[in-house]
Amino acid sequence: MKIGAEPSSRSKRDVILRVAAEEFGRNGFDATMWARIAERAGIGNTALYHYFESKTHCLFTLLQDSNAAWYERWSACLVDSEKPVDAVLAAVRAAFDCTEADTIKNRLLFYEQGKLITIQARGRTEQAQTEALGDARRIEKLWIGYLTGAMESGAIPRQDPGVLAHAIIGLLQSVWGWYRPGGRRKLDYIKDRYCDYVRAMLAAA
C-alpha cells in the first residue's frame, strides 16, 4: 500500500482480525467488547459491520484461519510413506514453527473452538462456522488416514488410529493454552519434549 493511500478493504479486514485475535486472546472472547475492537482498528462501530456481521462471525473467521493453517502445515509433512515416524515427528516440529501472532491464534483456537459446535449461527457467521468445522474434520481425517496407513505397513504398532490421532492433535494444540512467548520454557525445549512424547505414543502397542 502506498504511503498516504487509503487502506484497502482487505487490509482493513486483516487489521480487524489481528486486533480481534489480540483482544480475544488477552481478555477472552466473552469479555471483549466489540466496540473495543472497532476503536483499536481505527474504524467506527457501524463500519465494523461491513466486514463482520457480529463478534461471533469474527471469532469463527479466526478459528477457520487457524484450522486451515494447521491443516496446511501438517499435510505438507504427512506425505512420506517410507518413514512414517519421521514424517509424524516432522509434523510435530512444524506445529512449533510459528510467529507470536500465530501463538495468539493458536491460543484462541484452544480456548474457544468449543463454540463452533455450541452456537447456532446464520448468514455469514454460519458460513464461517461451517468452514472452520470442515477444516477441523479435514485435520482429523488427515491424521487418522496417515496413521492407519503406517500401521498397515507395519511401520508403527497397531492400535486405535482414531484415538491416537486425536491424542496427538490434542497434545499439540493444548500447548498454546499455557505457553507464553518470553516465558521460562523456550519453544525449542518444548518442541523437543513433545517429539519425545509423540514418539512414545507411536511405539505404544
N, C-alpha and C. Protein backbone atom coordinates (compact mmCIF):
# COMPACT_ATOMS: atom_id res chain seq x y z
N MET A 1 0.85 -1.18 0.00
CA MET A 1 0.00 0.00 0.00
C MET A 1 0.89 1.24 0.00
N LYS A 2 0.63 2.21 -0.84
CA LYS A 2 1.41 3.42 -0.94
C LYS A 2 1.20 4.29 0.29
N ILE A 3 2.25 5.06 0.64
CA ILE A 3 2.15 5.97 1.76
C ILE A 3 1.12 7.04 1.45
N GLY A 4 0.22 7.29 2.36
CA GLY A 4 -0.80 8.30 2.15
C GLY A 4 -2.05 7.78 1.50
N ALA A 5 -2.01 6.53 1.01
CA ALA A 5 -3.17 5.96 0.35
C ALA A 5 -4.15 5.43 1.39
N GLU A 6 -5.42 5.39 1.02
CA GLU A 6 -6.42 4.84 1.91
C GLU A 6 -6.22 3.33 2.01
N PRO A 7 -6.36 2.74 3.18
CA PRO A 7 -6.20 1.29 3.31
C PRO A 7 -7.27 0.58 2.51
N SER A 8 -6.88 -0.54 1.88
CA SER A 8 -7.83 -1.31 1.11
C SER A 8 -8.78 -2.03 2.04
N SER A 9 -9.90 -2.50 1.46
CA SER A 9 -10.88 -3.24 2.25
C SER A 9 -10.24 -4.49 2.84
N ARG A 10 -9.38 -5.14 2.04
CA ARG A 10 -8.72 -6.36 2.51
C ARG A 10 -7.76 -6.05 3.65
N SER A 11 -6.97 -4.98 3.52
CA SER A 11 -6.00 -4.66 4.56
C SER A 11 -6.70 -4.27 5.86
N LYS A 12 -7.82 -3.55 5.75
CA LYS A 12 -8.57 -3.17 6.95
C LYS A 12 -9.16 -4.42 7.62
N ARG A 13 -9.64 -5.35 6.80
CA ARG A 13 -10.16 -6.61 7.35
C ARG A 13 -9.06 -7.35 8.11
N ASP A 14 -7.85 -7.36 7.56
CA ASP A 14 -6.74 -8.03 8.22
C ASP A 14 -6.40 -7.36 9.55
N VAL A 15 -6.49 -6.03 9.58
CA VAL A 15 -6.23 -5.29 10.82
C VAL A 15 -7.26 -5.67 11.88
N ILE A 16 -8.52 -5.74 11.47
CA ILE A 16 -9.59 -6.12 12.41
C ILE A 16 -9.34 -7.51 12.97
N LEU A 17 -8.96 -8.45 12.12
CA LEU A 17 -8.71 -9.81 12.57
C LEU A 17 -7.52 -9.86 13.53
N ARG A 18 -6.48 -9.10 13.22
CA ARG A 18 -5.30 -9.09 14.11
C ARG A 18 -5.67 -8.51 15.47
N VAL A 19 -6.38 -7.40 15.46
CA VAL A 19 -6.78 -6.76 16.72
C VAL A 19 -7.71 -7.69 17.50
N ALA A 20 -8.67 -8.29 16.80
CA ALA A 20 -9.62 -9.18 17.47
C ALA A 20 -8.91 -10.37 18.10
N ALA A 21 -7.95 -10.95 17.39
CA ALA A 21 -7.20 -12.08 17.93
C ALA A 21 -6.46 -11.67 19.20
N GLU A 22 -5.87 -10.48 19.19
CA GLU A 22 -5.16 -10.00 20.37
C GLU A 22 -6.10 -9.78 21.54
N GLU A 23 -7.25 -9.15 21.28
CA GLU A 23 -8.20 -8.86 22.34
C GLU A 23 -8.84 -10.15 22.88
N PHE A 24 -9.26 -11.02 21.98
CA PHE A 24 -9.86 -12.29 22.42
C PHE A 24 -8.84 -13.12 23.20
N GLY A 25 -7.59 -13.15 22.68
CA GLY A 25 -6.56 -13.95 23.32
C GLY A 25 -6.17 -13.42 24.68
N ARG A 26 -6.19 -12.09 24.83
CA ARG A 26 -5.78 -11.47 26.10
C ARG A 26 -6.91 -11.48 27.13
N ASN A 27 -8.12 -11.15 26.71
CA ASN A 27 -9.22 -10.93 27.64
C ASN A 27 -10.29 -12.01 27.61
N GLY A 28 -10.24 -12.88 26.59
CA GLY A 28 -11.30 -13.86 26.40
C GLY A 28 -12.38 -13.31 25.49
N PHE A 29 -12.99 -14.19 24.72
CA PHE A 29 -13.99 -13.76 23.75
C PHE A 29 -15.19 -13.09 24.43
N ASP A 30 -15.72 -13.70 25.45
CA ASP A 30 -16.93 -13.20 26.09
C ASP A 30 -16.72 -11.83 26.75
N ALA A 31 -15.52 -11.59 27.26
CA ALA A 31 -15.24 -10.34 27.97
C ALA A 31 -14.83 -9.20 27.04
N THR A 32 -14.57 -9.50 25.78
CA THR A 32 -14.12 -8.48 24.84
C THR A 32 -15.31 -7.72 24.26
N MET A 33 -15.24 -6.41 24.32
CA MET A 33 -16.30 -5.57 23.75
C MET A 33 -16.04 -5.37 22.26
N TRP A 34 -17.08 -5.54 21.47
CA TRP A 34 -16.99 -5.35 20.01
C TRP A 34 -16.54 -3.93 19.70
N ALA A 35 -17.00 -2.95 20.51
CA ALA A 35 -16.62 -1.56 20.29
C ALA A 35 -15.13 -1.34 20.51
N ARG A 36 -14.54 -2.12 21.41
CA ARG A 36 -13.10 -2.01 21.67
C ARG A 36 -12.30 -2.41 20.44
N ILE A 37 -12.77 -3.43 19.73
CA ILE A 37 -12.08 -3.86 18.50
C ILE A 37 -12.18 -2.77 17.45
N ALA A 38 -13.34 -2.17 17.31
CA ALA A 38 -13.51 -1.08 16.35
C ALA A 38 -12.57 0.08 16.68
N GLU A 39 -12.49 0.41 17.95
CA GLU A 39 -11.63 1.52 18.39
C GLU A 39 -10.18 1.26 18.05
N ARG A 40 -9.69 0.08 18.37
CA ARG A 40 -8.29 -0.25 18.12
C ARG A 40 -7.99 -0.39 16.63
N ALA A 41 -8.99 -0.81 15.86
CA ALA A 41 -8.79 -0.96 14.41
C ALA A 41 -8.91 0.38 13.68
N GLY A 42 -9.36 1.40 14.40
CA GLY A 42 -9.45 2.73 13.80
C GLY A 42 -10.64 2.95 12.91
N ILE A 43 -11.75 2.27 13.19
CA ILE A 43 -12.97 2.47 12.41
C ILE A 43 -14.15 2.62 13.36
N GLY A 44 -15.26 3.11 12.83
CA GLY A 44 -16.45 3.27 13.64
C GLY A 44 -17.17 1.95 13.84
N ASN A 45 -18.03 1.91 14.85
CA ASN A 45 -18.77 0.69 15.13
C ASN A 45 -19.60 0.23 13.95
N THR A 46 -20.24 1.20 13.26
CA THR A 46 -21.08 0.86 12.12
C THR A 46 -20.25 0.27 10.99
N ALA A 47 -19.07 0.85 10.75
CA ALA A 47 -18.20 0.38 9.67
C ALA A 47 -17.72 -1.03 9.93
N LEU A 48 -17.61 -1.39 11.21
CA LEU A 48 -17.13 -2.73 11.56
C LEU A 48 -18.04 -3.81 10.98
N TYR A 49 -19.33 -3.51 10.91
CA TYR A 49 -20.29 -4.50 10.41
C TYR A 49 -20.19 -4.69 8.89
N HIS A 50 -19.46 -3.82 8.22
CA HIS A 50 -19.21 -4.02 6.78
C HIS A 50 -18.32 -5.25 6.57
N TYR A 51 -17.47 -5.52 7.56
CA TYR A 51 -16.51 -6.61 7.44
C TYR A 51 -16.99 -7.89 8.13
N PHE A 52 -17.62 -7.72 9.28
CA PHE A 52 -18.10 -8.89 10.04
C PHE A 52 -19.47 -8.55 10.62
N GLU A 53 -20.40 -9.46 10.46
CA GLU A 53 -21.77 -9.17 10.89
C GLU A 53 -21.94 -9.28 12.40
N SER A 54 -20.94 -9.82 13.09
CA SER A 54 -21.02 -9.94 14.55
C SER A 54 -19.64 -10.27 15.09
N LYS A 55 -19.51 -10.15 16.40
CA LYS A 55 -18.27 -10.56 17.07
C LYS A 55 -18.05 -12.06 16.87
N THR A 56 -19.13 -12.84 16.88
CA THR A 56 -19.03 -14.28 16.69
C THR A 56 -18.55 -14.61 15.28
N HIS A 57 -19.02 -13.87 14.30
CA HIS A 57 -18.56 -14.05 12.92
C HIS A 57 -17.05 -13.84 12.84
N CYS A 58 -16.56 -12.81 13.52
CA CYS A 58 -15.13 -12.53 13.55
C CYS A 58 -14.38 -13.69 14.21
N LEU A 59 -14.89 -14.18 15.32
CA LEU A 59 -14.25 -15.30 16.01
C LEU A 59 -14.19 -16.53 15.12
N PHE A 60 -15.29 -16.88 14.48
CA PHE A 60 -15.32 -18.06 13.63
C PHE A 60 -14.36 -17.92 12.45
N THR A 61 -14.21 -16.71 11.94
CA THR A 61 -13.25 -16.47 10.86
C THR A 61 -11.83 -16.72 11.34
N LEU A 62 -11.52 -16.26 12.54
CA LEU A 62 -10.20 -16.52 13.12
C LEU A 62 -9.97 -18.01 13.33
N LEU A 63 -10.98 -18.72 13.82
CA LEU A 63 -10.85 -20.15 14.04
C LEU A 63 -10.68 -20.90 12.72
N GLN A 64 -11.39 -20.45 11.70
CA GLN A 64 -11.25 -21.07 10.38
C GLN A 64 -9.84 -20.85 9.84
N ASP A 65 -9.32 -19.63 9.98
CA ASP A 65 -7.95 -19.34 9.54
C ASP A 65 -6.95 -20.22 10.28
N SER A 66 -7.15 -20.39 11.57
CA SER A 66 -6.24 -21.19 12.38
C SER A 66 -6.29 -22.66 11.98
N ASN A 67 -7.49 -23.20 11.82
CA ASN A 67 -7.61 -24.60 11.42
C ASN A 67 -7.03 -24.83 10.03
N ALA A 68 -7.26 -23.90 9.13
CA ALA A 68 -6.72 -24.03 7.77
C ALA A 68 -5.19 -24.03 7.79
N ALA A 69 -4.61 -23.20 8.66
CA ALA A 69 -3.15 -23.14 8.76
C ALA A 69 -2.59 -24.43 9.33
N TRP A 70 -3.26 -24.98 10.36
CA TRP A 70 -2.83 -26.26 10.92
C TRP A 70 -2.89 -27.35 9.84
N TYR A 71 -3.97 -27.39 9.08
CA TYR A 71 -4.11 -28.42 8.05
C TYR A 71 -2.99 -28.29 7.00
N GLU A 72 -2.74 -27.08 6.55
CA GLU A 72 -1.71 -26.87 5.53
C GLU A 72 -0.34 -27.29 6.05
N ARG A 73 -0.04 -26.93 7.28
CA ARG A 73 1.26 -27.24 7.87
C ARG A 73 1.44 -28.75 8.01
N TRP A 74 0.41 -29.43 8.50
CA TRP A 74 0.54 -30.86 8.74
C TRP A 74 0.46 -31.68 7.46
N SER A 75 -0.36 -31.27 6.52
CA SER A 75 -0.48 -32.04 5.27
C SER A 75 0.82 -32.01 4.47
N ALA A 76 1.62 -30.96 4.67
CA ALA A 76 2.90 -30.88 3.97
C ALA A 76 3.90 -31.88 4.55
N CYS A 77 3.68 -32.31 5.79
CA CYS A 77 4.60 -33.26 6.44
C CYS A 77 4.15 -34.71 6.31
N LEU A 78 2.86 -34.94 6.37
CA LEU A 78 2.35 -36.31 6.40
C LEU A 78 2.16 -36.86 4.99
N VAL A 79 3.27 -36.98 4.27
CA VAL A 79 3.24 -37.47 2.89
C VAL A 79 4.23 -38.61 2.66
N ASP A 80 5.22 -38.74 3.53
CA ASP A 80 6.27 -39.75 3.34
C ASP A 80 5.77 -41.12 3.81
N SER A 81 5.60 -42.04 2.88
CA SER A 81 5.13 -43.38 3.23
C SER A 81 6.29 -44.31 3.58
N GLU A 82 7.53 -43.90 3.33
CA GLU A 82 8.69 -44.75 3.58
C GLU A 82 9.13 -44.66 5.04
N LYS A 83 9.02 -43.48 5.64
CA LYS A 83 9.46 -43.27 7.02
C LYS A 83 8.36 -42.53 7.80
N PRO A 84 7.28 -43.23 8.11
CA PRO A 84 6.15 -42.58 8.77
C PRO A 84 6.48 -41.93 10.11
N VAL A 85 7.34 -42.56 10.90
CA VAL A 85 7.68 -41.99 12.20
C VAL A 85 8.37 -40.64 12.01
N ASP A 86 9.30 -40.58 11.06
CA ASP A 86 9.99 -39.32 10.77
C ASP A 86 9.00 -38.26 10.29
N ALA A 87 8.03 -38.68 9.48
CA ALA A 87 7.04 -37.75 8.96
C ALA A 87 6.17 -37.18 10.08
N VAL A 88 5.76 -38.05 11.00
CA VAL A 88 4.94 -37.59 12.13
C VAL A 88 5.74 -36.63 13.00
N LEU A 89 6.99 -36.94 13.27
CA LEU A 89 7.82 -36.06 14.09
C LEU A 89 8.09 -34.73 13.39
N ALA A 90 8.17 -34.76 12.06
CA ALA A 90 8.30 -33.51 11.31
C ALA A 90 7.04 -32.66 11.48
N ALA A 91 5.88 -33.33 11.51
CA ALA A 91 4.62 -32.61 11.74
C ALA A 91 4.58 -32.00 13.14
N VAL A 92 5.13 -32.73 14.11
CA VAL A 92 5.20 -32.21 15.48
C VAL A 92 6.07 -30.95 15.51
N ARG A 93 7.24 -31.04 14.88
CA ARG A 93 8.14 -29.87 14.87
C ARG A 93 7.50 -28.70 14.14
N ALA A 94 6.77 -28.99 13.06
CA ALA A 94 6.13 -27.92 12.30
C ALA A 94 5.08 -27.19 13.12
N ALA A 95 4.49 -27.89 14.09
CA ALA A 95 3.48 -27.26 14.94
C ALA A 95 4.06 -26.12 15.75
N PHE A 96 5.38 -26.14 15.97
CA PHE A 96 6.03 -25.11 16.78
C PHE A 96 6.71 -24.05 15.93
N ASP A 97 6.57 -24.17 14.62
CA ASP A 97 7.15 -23.19 13.71
C ASP A 97 6.14 -22.07 13.50
N CYS A 98 6.09 -21.13 14.43
CA CYS A 98 5.05 -20.10 14.39
C CYS A 98 5.56 -18.78 14.93
N THR A 99 4.90 -17.73 14.51
CA THR A 99 5.21 -16.39 14.98
C THR A 99 4.44 -16.12 16.27
N GLU A 100 4.73 -14.98 16.90
CA GLU A 100 3.99 -14.61 18.10
C GLU A 100 2.51 -14.42 17.79
N ALA A 101 2.22 -13.86 16.59
CA ALA A 101 0.82 -13.70 16.19
C ALA A 101 0.14 -15.05 16.03
N ASP A 102 0.90 -16.05 15.53
CA ASP A 102 0.34 -17.40 15.40
C ASP A 102 0.00 -17.99 16.76
N THR A 103 0.86 -17.73 17.76
CA THR A 103 0.59 -18.29 19.08
C THR A 103 -0.70 -17.74 19.67
N ILE A 104 -1.00 -16.48 19.35
CA ILE A 104 -2.25 -15.88 19.84
C ILE A 104 -3.44 -16.59 19.20
N LYS A 105 -3.38 -16.81 17.88
CA LYS A 105 -4.46 -17.52 17.19
C LYS A 105 -4.59 -18.95 17.70
N ASN A 106 -3.45 -19.59 17.93
CA ASN A 106 -3.49 -20.96 18.44
C ASN A 106 -4.12 -21.03 19.82
N ARG A 107 -3.81 -20.04 20.65
CA ARG A 107 -4.40 -19.98 21.99
C ARG A 107 -5.91 -19.79 21.89
N LEU A 108 -6.31 -18.95 20.95
CA LEU A 108 -7.74 -18.70 20.74
C LEU A 108 -8.45 -19.97 20.31
N LEU A 109 -7.82 -20.73 19.41
CA LEU A 109 -8.41 -21.99 18.95
C LEU A 109 -8.58 -22.95 20.12
N PHE A 110 -7.56 -23.03 20.97
CA PHE A 110 -7.62 -23.95 22.10
C PHE A 110 -8.77 -23.60 23.05
N TYR A 111 -8.92 -22.33 23.36
CA TYR A 111 -9.91 -21.92 24.34
C TYR A 111 -11.33 -21.80 23.79
N GLU A 112 -11.46 -21.44 22.52
CA GLU A 112 -12.78 -21.06 22.02
C GLU A 112 -13.37 -21.99 20.97
N GLN A 113 -12.65 -23.04 20.56
CA GLN A 113 -13.14 -23.88 19.48
C GLN A 113 -14.45 -24.60 19.83
N GLY A 114 -14.72 -24.77 21.13
CA GLY A 114 -15.97 -25.40 21.53
C GLY A 114 -17.19 -24.63 21.06
N LYS A 115 -17.05 -23.33 20.84
CA LYS A 115 -18.18 -22.52 20.38
C LYS A 115 -18.62 -22.90 18.96
N LEU A 116 -17.72 -23.56 18.23
CA LEU A 116 -18.07 -23.97 16.87
C LEU A 116 -19.22 -24.98 16.85
N ILE A 117 -19.37 -25.73 17.94
CA ILE A 117 -20.43 -26.74 17.96
C ILE A 117 -21.55 -26.40 18.95
N THR A 118 -21.40 -25.31 19.68
CA THR A 118 -22.44 -24.95 20.66
C THR A 118 -23.28 -23.76 20.26
N ILE A 119 -22.79 -22.97 19.30
CA ILE A 119 -23.52 -21.78 18.87
C ILE A 119 -24.28 -22.07 17.58
N GLN A 120 -25.54 -21.72 17.55
CA GLN A 120 -26.34 -21.84 16.33
C GLN A 120 -26.26 -20.51 15.58
N ALA A 121 -25.67 -20.54 14.41
CA ALA A 121 -25.42 -19.31 13.66
C ALA A 121 -26.21 -19.29 12.36
N ARG A 122 -26.26 -18.10 11.77
CA ARG A 122 -26.92 -17.90 10.49
C ARG A 122 -26.08 -16.97 9.62
N GLY A 123 -26.42 -16.92 8.35
CA GLY A 123 -25.78 -15.98 7.45
C GLY A 123 -24.30 -16.24 7.29
N ARG A 124 -23.53 -15.15 7.21
CA ARG A 124 -22.09 -15.26 7.02
C ARG A 124 -21.41 -15.90 8.23
N THR A 125 -22.00 -15.72 9.40
CA THR A 125 -21.45 -16.36 10.60
C THR A 125 -21.53 -17.87 10.48
N GLU A 126 -22.64 -18.37 10.01
CA GLU A 126 -22.80 -19.81 9.83
C GLU A 126 -21.83 -20.33 8.77
N GLN A 127 -21.61 -19.57 7.72
CA GLN A 127 -20.68 -19.99 6.68
C GLN A 127 -19.26 -20.13 7.24
N ALA A 128 -18.83 -19.14 8.04
CA ALA A 128 -17.50 -19.21 8.65
C ALA A 128 -17.42 -20.38 9.63
N GLN A 129 -18.51 -20.63 10.35
CA GLN A 129 -18.57 -21.74 11.29
C GLN A 129 -18.43 -23.07 10.54
N THR A 130 -19.16 -23.22 9.44
CA THR A 130 -19.11 -24.44 8.64
C THR A 130 -17.72 -24.68 8.09
N GLU A 131 -17.07 -23.63 7.62
CA GLU A 131 -15.72 -23.77 7.06
C GLU A 131 -14.72 -24.15 8.14
N ALA A 132 -14.85 -23.56 9.32
CA ALA A 132 -13.94 -23.89 10.42
C ALA A 132 -14.11 -25.33 10.85
N LEU A 133 -15.35 -25.79 10.96
CA LEU A 133 -15.61 -27.18 11.32
C LEU A 133 -15.11 -28.13 10.23
N GLY A 134 -15.29 -27.72 8.98
CA GLY A 134 -14.82 -28.55 7.87
C GLY A 134 -13.33 -28.74 7.90
N ASP A 135 -12.58 -27.68 8.21
CA ASP A 135 -11.13 -27.80 8.29
C ASP A 135 -10.72 -28.66 9.48
N ALA A 136 -11.45 -28.56 10.58
CA ALA A 136 -11.16 -29.40 11.75
C ALA A 136 -11.33 -30.88 11.40
N ARG A 137 -12.37 -31.18 10.65
CA ARG A 137 -12.60 -32.57 10.24
C ARG A 137 -11.55 -33.04 9.23
N ARG A 138 -11.09 -32.13 8.38
CA ARG A 138 -10.03 -32.48 7.43
C ARG A 138 -8.75 -32.83 8.18
N ILE A 139 -8.48 -32.09 9.26
CA ILE A 139 -7.30 -32.38 10.07
C ILE A 139 -7.40 -33.78 10.68
N GLU A 140 -8.57 -34.09 11.25
CA GLU A 140 -8.78 -35.41 11.84
C GLU A 140 -8.61 -36.51 10.79
N LYS A 141 -9.23 -36.31 9.64
CA LYS A 141 -9.15 -37.30 8.57
C LYS A 141 -7.72 -37.49 8.09
N LEU A 142 -6.97 -36.40 7.97
CA LEU A 142 -5.58 -36.45 7.55
C LEU A 142 -4.76 -37.32 8.49
N TRP A 143 -4.86 -37.06 9.79
CA TRP A 143 -4.07 -37.80 10.76
C TRP A 143 -4.51 -39.26 10.86
N ILE A 144 -5.81 -39.49 10.91
CA ILE A 144 -6.30 -40.87 11.02
C ILE A 144 -5.89 -41.68 9.81
N GLY A 145 -6.03 -41.10 8.63
CA GLY A 145 -5.65 -41.80 7.40
C GLY A 145 -4.17 -42.11 7.35
N TYR A 146 -3.35 -41.15 7.75
CA TYR A 146 -1.91 -41.37 7.69
C TYR A 146 -1.47 -42.43 8.71
N LEU A 147 -1.98 -42.33 9.91
CA LEU A 147 -1.61 -43.30 10.95
C LEU A 147 -2.11 -44.70 10.61
N THR A 148 -3.29 -44.78 10.02
CA THR A 148 -3.82 -46.09 9.59
C THR A 148 -2.89 -46.74 8.57
N GLY A 149 -2.45 -45.93 7.60
CA GLY A 149 -1.52 -46.45 6.59
C GLY A 149 -0.20 -46.90 7.20
N ALA A 150 0.29 -46.15 8.18
CA ALA A 150 1.55 -46.51 8.83
C ALA A 150 1.41 -47.81 9.60
N MET A 151 0.25 -48.02 10.21
CA MET A 151 0.02 -49.27 10.93
C MET A 151 -0.10 -50.45 9.97
N GLU A 152 -0.79 -50.24 8.88
CA GLU A 152 -0.97 -51.31 7.90
C GLU A 152 0.35 -51.72 7.26
N SER A 153 1.29 -50.76 7.15
CA SER A 153 2.59 -51.07 6.56
C SER A 153 3.54 -51.70 7.56
N GLY A 154 3.14 -51.69 8.83
CA GLY A 154 3.99 -52.25 9.87
C GLY A 154 5.01 -51.27 10.42
N ALA A 155 4.93 -50.00 10.02
CA ALA A 155 5.91 -49.01 10.47
C ALA A 155 5.72 -48.64 11.93
N ILE A 156 4.49 -48.72 12.41
CA ILE A 156 4.22 -48.48 13.83
C ILE A 156 3.26 -49.57 14.31
N PRO A 157 3.28 -49.87 15.61
CA PRO A 157 2.41 -50.94 16.14
C PRO A 157 0.93 -50.61 15.93
N ARG A 158 0.13 -51.63 15.77
CA ARG A 158 -1.30 -51.43 15.60
C ARG A 158 -1.95 -51.00 16.91
N GLN A 159 -2.78 -49.99 16.81
CA GLN A 159 -3.60 -49.50 17.91
C GLN A 159 -4.78 -48.77 17.28
N ASP A 160 -5.61 -48.16 18.06
CA ASP A 160 -6.76 -47.44 17.51
C ASP A 160 -6.28 -46.15 16.86
N PRO A 161 -6.33 -46.04 15.52
CA PRO A 161 -5.78 -44.85 14.86
C PRO A 161 -6.56 -43.58 15.17
N GLY A 162 -7.86 -43.71 15.43
CA GLY A 162 -8.65 -42.54 15.77
C GLY A 162 -8.27 -41.95 17.10
N VAL A 163 -8.11 -42.83 18.10
CA VAL A 163 -7.70 -42.37 19.43
C VAL A 163 -6.30 -41.76 19.37
N LEU A 164 -5.39 -42.43 18.66
CA LEU A 164 -4.02 -41.93 18.56
C LEU A 164 -4.00 -40.57 17.86
N ALA A 165 -4.76 -40.44 16.78
CA ALA A 165 -4.79 -39.17 16.04
C ALA A 165 -5.29 -38.04 16.92
N HIS A 166 -6.38 -38.28 17.65
CA HIS A 166 -6.93 -37.23 18.50
C HIS A 166 -6.00 -36.92 19.67
N ALA A 167 -5.28 -37.93 20.15
CA ALA A 167 -4.33 -37.69 21.24
C ALA A 167 -3.20 -36.78 20.78
N ILE A 168 -2.70 -37.01 19.57
CA ILE A 168 -1.60 -36.19 19.04
C ILE A 168 -2.10 -34.77 18.75
N ILE A 169 -3.24 -34.66 18.09
CA ILE A 169 -3.80 -33.34 17.77
C ILE A 169 -4.04 -32.55 19.06
N GLY A 170 -4.68 -33.21 20.02
CA GLY A 170 -4.98 -32.54 21.28
C GLY A 170 -3.72 -32.11 22.02
N LEU A 171 -2.71 -32.97 22.02
CA LEU A 171 -1.46 -32.65 22.69
C LEU A 171 -0.81 -31.41 22.07
N LEU A 172 -0.74 -31.38 20.75
CA LEU A 172 -0.07 -30.28 20.07
C LEU A 172 -0.84 -28.96 20.17
N GLN A 173 -2.15 -29.03 20.14
CA GLN A 173 -2.92 -27.79 20.23
C GLN A 173 -3.04 -27.28 21.66
N SER A 174 -2.91 -28.17 22.63
CA SER A 174 -3.06 -27.75 24.03
C SER A 174 -1.87 -26.92 24.52
N VAL A 175 -0.74 -27.01 23.84
CA VAL A 175 0.44 -26.24 24.23
C VAL A 175 0.10 -24.77 24.38
N TRP A 176 -0.71 -24.29 23.44
CA TRP A 176 -0.95 -22.85 23.37
C TRP A 176 -1.89 -22.35 24.47
N GLY A 177 -2.46 -23.28 25.22
CA GLY A 177 -3.26 -22.86 26.36
C GLY A 177 -2.42 -22.36 27.52
N TRP A 178 -1.14 -22.79 27.57
CA TRP A 178 -0.29 -22.38 28.70
C TRP A 178 1.01 -21.72 28.29
N TYR A 179 1.47 -21.97 27.07
CA TYR A 179 2.74 -21.35 26.63
C TYR A 179 2.57 -19.86 26.42
N ARG A 180 3.58 -19.08 26.85
CA ARG A 180 3.59 -17.64 26.61
C ARG A 180 4.97 -17.26 26.09
N PRO A 181 5.04 -16.52 24.98
CA PRO A 181 6.35 -16.05 24.49
C PRO A 181 7.09 -15.29 25.59
N GLY A 182 8.37 -15.57 25.72
CA GLY A 182 9.16 -14.89 26.74
C GLY A 182 9.11 -15.56 28.09
N GLY A 183 8.40 -16.68 28.18
CA GLY A 183 8.30 -17.40 29.44
C GLY A 183 9.56 -18.19 29.76
N ARG A 184 9.53 -18.91 30.88
CA ARG A 184 10.71 -19.65 31.33
C ARG A 184 11.06 -20.78 30.38
N ARG A 185 10.06 -21.46 29.84
CA ARG A 185 10.32 -22.58 28.93
C ARG A 185 10.32 -22.09 27.49
N LYS A 186 11.44 -22.30 26.82
CA LYS A 186 11.60 -21.85 25.44
C LYS A 186 10.91 -22.83 24.49
N LEU A 187 10.50 -22.31 23.34
CA LEU A 187 9.74 -23.12 22.40
C LEU A 187 10.54 -24.31 21.88
N ASP A 188 11.84 -24.13 21.66
CA ASP A 188 12.65 -25.24 21.17
C ASP A 188 12.71 -26.38 22.20
N TYR A 189 12.78 -26.03 23.46
CA TYR A 189 12.77 -27.04 24.52
C TYR A 189 11.45 -27.80 24.52
N ILE A 190 10.33 -27.07 24.45
CA ILE A 190 9.01 -27.71 24.43
C ILE A 190 8.87 -28.61 23.21
N LYS A 191 9.33 -28.12 22.07
CA LYS A 191 9.26 -28.91 20.84
C LYS A 191 9.98 -30.24 20.98
N ASP A 192 11.18 -30.22 21.56
CA ASP A 192 11.96 -31.45 21.73
C ASP A 192 11.23 -32.42 22.67
N ARG A 193 10.67 -31.90 23.74
CA ARG A 193 9.97 -32.76 24.70
C ARG A 193 8.74 -33.38 24.05
N TYR A 194 8.01 -32.60 23.28
CA TYR A 194 6.79 -33.11 22.65
C TYR A 194 7.11 -34.12 21.57
N CYS A 195 8.24 -33.97 20.91
CA CYS A 195 8.67 -35.01 19.96
C CYS A 195 8.89 -36.32 20.71
N ASP A 196 9.49 -36.24 21.89
CA ASP A 196 9.70 -37.44 22.70
C ASP A 196 8.37 -38.08 23.08
N TYR A 197 7.40 -37.24 23.48
CA TYR A 197 6.10 -37.77 23.90
C TYR A 197 5.38 -38.46 22.74
N VAL A 198 5.40 -37.83 21.58
CA VAL A 198 4.69 -38.41 20.43
C VAL A 198 5.40 -39.67 19.96
N ARG A 199 6.73 -39.68 20.01
CA ARG A 199 7.47 -40.89 19.64
C ARG A 199 7.05 -42.06 20.54
N ALA A 200 6.88 -41.79 21.82
CA ALA A 200 6.44 -42.84 22.74
C ALA A 200 5.02 -43.27 22.44
N MET A 201 4.15 -42.35 22.08
CA MET A 201 2.79 -42.68 21.73
C MET A 201 2.73 -43.57 20.51
N LEU A 202 3.60 -43.30 19.52
CA LEU A 202 3.62 -44.11 18.30
C LEU A 202 4.09 -45.53 18.58
N ALA A 203 4.95 -45.68 19.57
CA ALA A 203 5.51 -47.00 19.86
C ALA A 203 4.59 -47.85 20.74
N ALA A 204 3.58 -47.23 21.33
CA ALA A 204 2.68 -47.97 22.23
C ALA A 204 1.87 -48.99 21.44
N ALA A 205 1.76 -50.18 21.99
CA ALA A 205 1.00 -51.24 21.31
C ALA A 205 -0.40 -51.32 21.89
